[in-house]
Amino acid sequence: MNDNYFLPGTDKQLDFLTENLDITGLSILIIGTGCEEISQKLLEKGASKVIIIVDDNDSLLNSRLILSNSGINVKMMEFDNTDFKDSEFDIVYAQASVSNKKRNKITKEVYRILKAGGNFCVGEITSLTKTPPQFILDLWKNSGVSPLHIEEQEQYYKGRKFDIVKSENLSYTLKDFYMTSISLLSENIDRLTEQEKSYYKKLLNIISHESNAYLRLGGDAHIGFYAYIFKKGEL
């Protein structure tokens, strides 16, 4: 795992996208926090424009600080109600940022701002079992996560006029994500500025709780992560 990828799926979702799509000259919108390294890699690999949207002020300030002088624009918007024009982007990229109760509205918004034939690369926290134990349900509730069961994923997007292009099981990345992230954050928390501590404190608490459930309580049998590339179909 690259230390700069504090996301489920680590750097493997980015690899999944670039190995299956030629992004040269394309405009890309990234939805979610923690995607600074991803945005820079996309520019390096030939994207013509990369924009990130986040939904809170701490994330906005942190991302702008990291990406100053990079040419990457970071904006604060609700993921389900953006200011972008219809059919503005070639690709929308979301890594663990739509697996929540706003998924329906976010997916509708993604469809609106994608060009005809554009692609949605999404990484989803998934439920590997149809009846997860209560501690997993509590974990998801506290984290604001609302996963679909793995057997429902593709059909969900098909029902919203997205055609499946490719999928990949990235559940194997979760162990590295939890182990490495909690270690790095714990080691470096005292070195952060007050602004950075405010930003990372919530993240550290979430990761600490999730990692314990995943690594020690058998959560790996119930929690998965899958990446998909969908193409915008016709209504």
Protein backbone atom coordinates (compact mmCIF):
# COMPACT_ATOMS: atom_id res chain seq x y z
CA MET A 1 0.00 0.00 0.00
CA ASN A 2 1.25 3.49 -0.88
CA ASP A 3 1.31 5.61 2.29
CA ASN A 4 -0.54 8.44 0.51
CA TYR A 5 -3.70 6.42 -0.13
CA PHE A 6 -5.86 6.55 3.01
CA LEU A 7 -8.78 4.91 1.24
CA PRO A 8 -10.28 1.44 0.96
CA GLY A 9 -9.02 0.06 -2.31
CA THR A 10 -5.69 1.89 -1.72
CA ASP A 11 -3.95 2.62 -5.04
CA LYS A 12 -5.49 -0.43 -6.72
CA GLN A 13 -8.69 1.30 -7.84
CA LEU A 14 -6.62 3.90 -9.69
CA ASP A 15 -4.65 1.09 -11.34
CA PHE A 16 -7.92 -0.59 -12.25
CA LEU A 17 -9.14 2.55 -13.99
CA THR A 18 -5.96 3.36 -15.93
CA GLU A 19 -5.38 -0.25 -16.97
CA ASN A 20 -8.84 -0.45 -18.52
CA LEU A 21 -9.40 3.05 -19.89
CA ASP A 22 -7.21 5.47 -21.84
CA ILE A 23 -7.69 8.75 -19.97
CA THR A 24 -5.53 10.86 -22.28
CA GLY A 25 -7.17 14.23 -22.91
CA LEU A 26 -10.21 13.47 -20.75
CA SER A 27 -11.88 15.63 -18.09
CA ILE A 28 -12.25 13.90 -14.74
CA LEU A 29 -14.25 14.72 -11.62
CA ILE A 30 -13.23 13.06 -8.35
CA ILE A 31 -15.85 12.78 -5.61
CA GLY A 32 -14.59 12.51 -2.03
CA THR A 33 -11.81 13.26 0.42
CA GLY A 34 -8.34 11.72 0.55
CA CYS A 35 -7.91 11.73 -3.24
CA GLU A 36 -5.06 14.22 -3.61
CA GLU A 37 -2.49 11.65 -4.76
CA ILE A 38 -5.03 10.10 -7.12
CA SER A 39 -5.74 13.46 -8.74
CA GLN A 40 -2.05 14.11 -9.35
CA LYS A 41 -1.54 10.66 -10.86
CA LEU A 42 -4.47 11.19 -13.22
CA LEU A 43 -2.91 14.40 -14.49
CA GLU A 44 0.44 12.68 -14.91
CA LYS A 45 -1.25 9.94 -16.93
CA GLY A 46 -2.69 12.43 -19.41
CA ALA A 47 -6.03 13.73 -18.14
CA SER A 48 -6.75 17.20 -19.52
CA LYS A 49 -8.53 18.43 -16.37
CA VAL A 50 -9.04 17.05 -12.87
CA ILE A 51 -11.41 18.55 -10.30
CA ILE A 52 -12.04 17.26 -6.78
CA ILE A 53 -15.20 17.94 -4.80
CA VAL A 54 -15.40 17.45 -1.02
CA ASP A 55 -18.33 18.06 1.29
CA ASP A 56 -16.79 19.68 4.38
CA ASN A 57 -14.58 22.68 5.06
CA ASP A 58 -11.73 20.83 6.81
CA SER A 59 -11.32 18.55 3.79
CA LEU A 60 -11.42 21.54 1.47
CA LEU A 61 -8.65 23.37 3.33
CA ASN A 62 -6.51 20.26 3.68
CA SER A 63 -6.81 19.28 0.01
CA ARG A 64 -6.08 22.81 -1.21
CA LEU A 65 -2.99 22.92 1.00
CA ILE A 66 -1.69 19.62 -0.36
CA LEU A 67 -2.49 20.52 -3.97
CA SER A 68 -1.36 24.14 -4.01
CA ASN A 69 0.32 24.99 -7.34
CA SER A 70 -0.72 21.62 -8.80
CA GLY A 71 -3.29 22.95 -11.26
CA ILE A 72 -5.98 20.80 -9.63
CA ASN A 73 -9.09 22.63 -8.50
CA VAL A 74 -10.75 21.57 -5.23
CA LYS A 75 -14.31 22.69 -4.51
CA MET A 76 -16.79 22.13 -1.71
CA MET A 77 -20.17 20.82 -2.89
CA GLU A 78 -22.84 18.36 -1.91
CA PHE A 79 -22.12 15.21 -3.90
CA ASP A 80 -25.77 14.85 -4.84
CA ASN A 81 -26.26 18.49 -5.86
CA THR A 82 -23.26 19.91 -7.72
CA ASP A 83 -22.88 23.16 -9.66
CA PHE A 84 -21.62 21.46 -12.81
CA LYS A 85 -23.33 21.61 -16.17
CA ASP A 86 -25.06 18.68 -17.80
CA SER A 87 -22.64 16.36 -19.66
CA GLU A 88 -19.53 18.15 -18.39
CA PHE A 89 -17.15 15.27 -17.60
CA ASP A 90 -15.73 12.29 -19.44
CA ILE A 91 -15.11 10.35 -16.22
CA VAL A 92 -16.42 10.59 -12.67
CA TYR A 93 -14.25 8.81 -10.08
CA ALA A 94 -15.47 7.88 -6.59
CA GLN A 95 -13.52 5.71 -4.14
CA ALA A 96 -15.53 4.67 -1.07
CA SER A 97 -17.44 7.98 -1.17
CA VAL A 98 -20.89 6.93 -2.41
CA SER A 99 -21.54 3.85 -0.22
CA ASN A 100 -24.04 5.75 1.91
CA LYS A 101 -27.72 6.64 2.15
CA LYS A 102 -27.34 9.38 -0.48
CA ARG A 103 -26.23 6.83 -3.09
CA ASN A 104 -29.43 7.15 -5.13
CA LYS A 105 -29.20 10.93 -5.42
CA ILE A 106 -25.42 10.90 -5.99
CA THR A 107 -25.75 8.32 -8.76
CA LYS A 108 -28.45 10.41 -10.42
CA GLU A 109 -26.19 13.47 -10.26
CA VAL A 110 -23.25 11.52 -11.69
CA TYR A 111 -25.44 10.46 -14.61
CA ARG A 112 -26.41 14.08 -15.24
CA ILE A 113 -22.89 15.51 -15.35
CA LEU A 114 -21.35 12.68 -17.39
CA LYS A 115 -21.04 13.08 -21.14
CA ALA A 116 -22.86 10.63 -23.38
CA GLY A 117 -20.86 7.41 -23.24
CA GLY A 118 -18.84 8.73 -20.29
CA ASN A 119 -17.56 6.43 -17.56
CA PHE A 120 -18.22 6.19 -13.84
CA CYS A 121 -15.38 4.48 -11.93
CA VAL A 122 -16.72 3.70 -8.49
CA GLY A 123 -15.32 1.75 -5.56
CA GLU A 124 -18.01 0.45 -3.21
CA ILE A 125 -17.88 -0.89 0.32
CA THR A 126 -19.94 -4.05 -0.03
CA SER A 127 -21.68 -6.52 2.22
CA LEU A 128 -20.40 -10.03 1.61
CA THR A 129 -23.19 -11.62 3.64
CA LYS A 130 -26.93 -11.02 3.41
CA THR A 131 -27.42 -10.96 7.18
CA PRO A 132 -24.30 -9.37 8.76
CA PRO A 133 -23.96 -9.63 12.55
CA GLN A 134 -25.05 -6.72 14.71
CA PHE A 135 -21.52 -5.43 15.35
CA ILE A 136 -21.04 -4.98 11.60
CA LEU A 137 -24.40 -3.22 11.27
CA ASP A 138 -23.45 -0.94 14.17
CA LEU A 139 -20.08 -0.23 12.58
CA TRP A 140 -21.68 0.80 9.29
CA LYS A 141 -24.28 2.92 11.05
CA ASN A 142 -21.66 4.79 13.07
CA SER A 143 -19.52 5.33 9.96
CA GLY A 144 -22.43 6.50 7.84
CA VAL A 145 -21.95 3.57 5.45
CA SER A 146 -24.89 1.87 3.74
CA PRO A 147 -23.47 -1.01 1.69
CA LEU A 148 -25.28 -3.05 -0.92
CA HIS A 149 -24.91 -6.82 -0.93
CA ILE A 150 -22.36 -7.93 -3.51
CA GLU A 151 -25.05 -9.66 -5.59
CA GLU A 152 -27.03 -6.41 -5.84
CA GLN A 153 -24.26 -4.08 -6.98
CA GLU A 154 -24.29 -4.47 -10.75
CA GLN A 155 -28.08 -4.66 -10.96
CA TYR A 156 -28.35 -1.47 -8.92
CA TYR A 157 -26.35 0.50 -11.46
CA LYS A 158 -28.00 -1.18 -14.43
CA GLY A 159 -31.32 0.01 -13.04
CA ARG A 160 -29.97 3.56 -13.20
CA LYS A 161 -28.95 3.30 -16.87
CA PHE A 162 -25.29 2.44 -16.41
CA ASP A 163 -23.81 -0.38 -18.47
CA ILE A 164 -21.12 -2.52 -16.83
CA VAL A 165 -17.72 -2.33 -18.51
CA LYS A 166 -15.47 -4.03 -15.95
CA SER A 167 -15.42 -5.03 -12.29
CA GLU A 168 -12.71 -6.15 -9.91
CA ASN A 169 -12.73 -7.55 -6.39
CA LEU A 170 -10.39 -5.36 -4.32
CA SER A 171 -11.41 -6.75 -0.94
CA TYR A 172 -7.85 -7.98 -0.42
CA THR A 173 -6.73 -4.34 -0.06
CA LEU A 174 -8.75 -3.79 3.11
CA LYS A 175 -6.33 -5.57 5.43
CA ASP A 176 -3.43 -3.41 4.25
CA PHE A 177 -5.60 -0.32 4.37
CA TYR A 178 -6.62 -0.81 7.98
CA MET A 179 -3.22 -2.00 9.23
CA THR A 180 -1.16 0.65 7.47
CA SER A 181 -3.53 3.56 7.96
CA ILE A 182 -3.96 3.12 11.70
CA SER A 183 -0.21 2.71 12.12
CA LEU A 184 0.68 5.79 10.12
CA LEU A 185 -1.96 8.00 11.66
CA SER A 186 -1.08 6.93 15.20
CA GLU A 187 2.64 7.50 14.63
CA ASN A 188 2.20 10.94 13.12
CA ILE A 189 -0.74 12.46 14.99
CA ASP A 190 1.51 14.37 17.43
CA ARG A 191 3.44 15.96 14.57
CA LEU A 192 0.40 17.50 12.94
CA THR A 193 -0.66 21.13 13.15
CA GLU A 194 -3.86 21.95 15.00
CA GLN A 195 -5.67 22.29 11.68
CA GLU A 196 -4.39 18.91 10.53
CA LYS A 197 -5.28 17.30 13.86
CA SER A 198 -8.83 18.55 13.51
CA TYR A 199 -9.00 17.01 10.05
CA TYR A 200 -7.43 13.66 10.94
CA LYS A 201 -8.89 13.13 14.43
CA LYS A 202 -12.26 12.03 13.12
CA LEU A 203 -10.57 9.87 10.49
CA LEU A 204 -8.33 8.23 13.10
CA ASN A 205 -11.29 7.42 15.35
CA ILE A 206 -13.23 5.86 12.47
CA ILE A 207 -10.28 3.84 11.21
CA SER A 208 -9.40 2.64 14.72
CA HIS A 209 -12.90 1.31 15.29
CA GLU A 210 -13.22 -0.20 11.81
CA SER A 211 -9.79 -1.81 11.88
CA ASN A 212 -10.51 -3.52 15.19
CA ALA A 213 -13.76 -4.93 13.79
CA TYR A 214 -12.13 -6.00 10.53
CA LEU A 215 -8.84 -7.38 11.81
CA ARG A 216 -9.79 -8.85 15.18
CA LEU A 217 -13.51 -9.53 15.28
CA GLY A 218 -13.99 -11.33 11.98
CA GLY A 219 -15.28 -8.40 9.99
CA ASP A 220 -13.34 -9.56 6.93
CA ALA A 221 -16.00 -12.24 6.41
CA HIS A 222 -18.67 -9.57 5.97
CA ILE A 223 -16.97 -6.44 4.56
CA GLY A 224 -15.71 -6.28 0.98
CA PHE A 225 -14.62 -3.67 -1.53
CA TYR A 226 -15.35 -3.86 -5.25
CA ALA A 227 -14.38 -1.48 -8.05
CA TYR A 228 -16.47 -0.98 -11.16
CA ILE A 229 -16.28 0.89 -14.43
CA PHE A 230 -19.71 1.75 -15.77
CA LYS A 231 -20.62 3.52 -19.01
CA LYS A 232 -23.45 6.04 -19.14
CA GLY A 233 -26.27 4.48 -21.10
CA GLU A 234 -29.35 6.07 -22.63
CA LEU A 235 -32.47 6.91 -20.69
